[in-house]
Protein backbone atom coordinates (compact mmCIF):
# COMPACT_ATOMS: atom_id res chain seq x y z
CA MET A 1 117.65 68.83 72.71
CA ALA A 2 116.27 71.14 75.92
CA GLU A 3 118.22 74.51 76.16
CA THR A 4 120.01 74.89 79.94
CA LYS A 5 120.07 78.25 80.52
CA SER A 6 123.11 79.49 83.18
CA GLY A 7 124.70 82.21 84.70
CA PHE A 8 122.34 85.31 84.46
CA ALA A 9 119.31 83.79 82.36
CA ARG A 10 119.14 80.92 84.62
CA PRO A 11 115.64 81.77 86.80
CA MET A 12 116.79 81.77 90.83
CA THR A 13 113.91 81.55 94.07
CA PRO A 14 114.24 84.30 95.78
CA SER A 15 114.11 84.31 99.73
CA ALA A 16 111.10 85.34 101.53
CA GLU A 17 112.32 88.92 102.42
CA LEU A 18 113.04 89.43 98.63
CA ALA A 19 109.91 87.86 97.62
CA ALA A 20 108.11 90.56 99.71
CA ILE A 21 109.21 93.28 96.98
CA ILE A 22 109.36 91.19 93.44
CA GLY A 23 107.23 88.34 94.22
CA ALA A 24 107.43 84.23 94.92
CA GLN A 25 107.95 83.50 91.34
CA PRO A 26 111.53 82.11 90.26
CA GLN A 27 113.33 85.00 87.86
CA PRO A 28 116.17 85.44 86.22
CA ARG A 29 119.08 88.02 87.85
CA THR A 30 118.70 90.39 85.30
CA GLN A 31 114.75 90.25 85.99
CA VAL A 32 115.30 90.48 89.78
CA THR A 33 117.20 93.69 89.12
CA LYS A 34 115.01 95.26 87.37
CA LEU A 35 112.22 94.57 89.47
CA VAL A 36 113.93 96.00 92.59
CA TRP A 37 114.54 99.12 90.27
CA ASP A 38 110.88 99.32 89.70
CA TYR A 39 110.37 99.03 93.25
CA ILE A 40 112.96 101.79 94.23
CA LYS A 41 111.58 103.73 91.64
CA ALA A 42 107.96 103.28 92.45
CA HIS A 43 108.59 104.16 96.29
CA ASN A 44 110.80 107.09 95.50
CA LEU A 45 113.68 105.50 97.51
CA GLN A 46 116.26 107.31 95.63
CA ASN A 47 118.97 109.59 97.59
CA PRO A 48 118.01 113.13 96.68
CA ALA A 49 121.19 114.19 97.07
CA ASN A 50 122.62 111.66 95.39
CA LYS A 51 120.84 109.25 93.19
CA ARG A 52 123.39 106.22 93.06
CA ASN A 53 122.46 105.59 96.66
CA ILE A 54 119.53 103.93 97.75
CA LEU A 55 117.42 104.71 101.00
CA CYS A 56 115.83 101.47 102.35
CA ASP A 57 112.51 101.30 103.43
CA ALA A 58 111.30 98.49 105.94
CA LYS A 59 111.23 95.48 103.04
CA LEU A 60 114.38 96.66 101.45
CA LYS A 61 116.25 96.67 104.43
CA ALA A 62 114.85 93.14 105.27
CA VAL A 63 117.15 92.32 102.12
CA MET A 64 120.03 94.89 101.93
CA GLY A 65 120.54 94.73 105.69
CA LYS A 66 121.05 98.70 106.71
CA ASP A 67 119.61 102.11 106.02
CA GLU A 68 121.15 103.15 102.72
CA VAL A 69 123.18 101.09 100.09
CA THR A 70 124.79 102.24 96.68
CA MET A 71 123.84 100.82 93.55
CA PHE A 72 126.60 98.89 93.54
CA GLU A 73 126.28 97.02 96.87
CA MET A 74 122.49 96.48 95.96
CA THR A 75 123.59 93.67 93.22
CA GLY A 76 125.34 91.78 95.93
CA LEU A 77 123.08 92.07 98.48
CA VAL A 78 120.11 91.32 96.41
CA GLY A 79 122.51 88.14 94.97
CA LYS A 80 122.41 86.77 98.37
CA HIS A 81 118.63 86.02 98.30
CA LEU A 82 118.60 83.73 95.25
CA SER A 83 119.00 80.49 95.08
């Protein structure tokens, strides 16, 4: 019997905007979050004055919709780009 994955473990397809950051391969939500954080850290996008805030570059702004987001907002905004 095949195991069906649900919730966080189920691979989700990223939008074109999110794929520009994490790649177009379907990924579970947990991996999407990890890949977005890898991108943020690689591009030094955490606000130095408040590490809980992310300063969006052009690619991240296409996903988040604004110049700066909190890490708590980020997961909800990224979720809108998964199907």
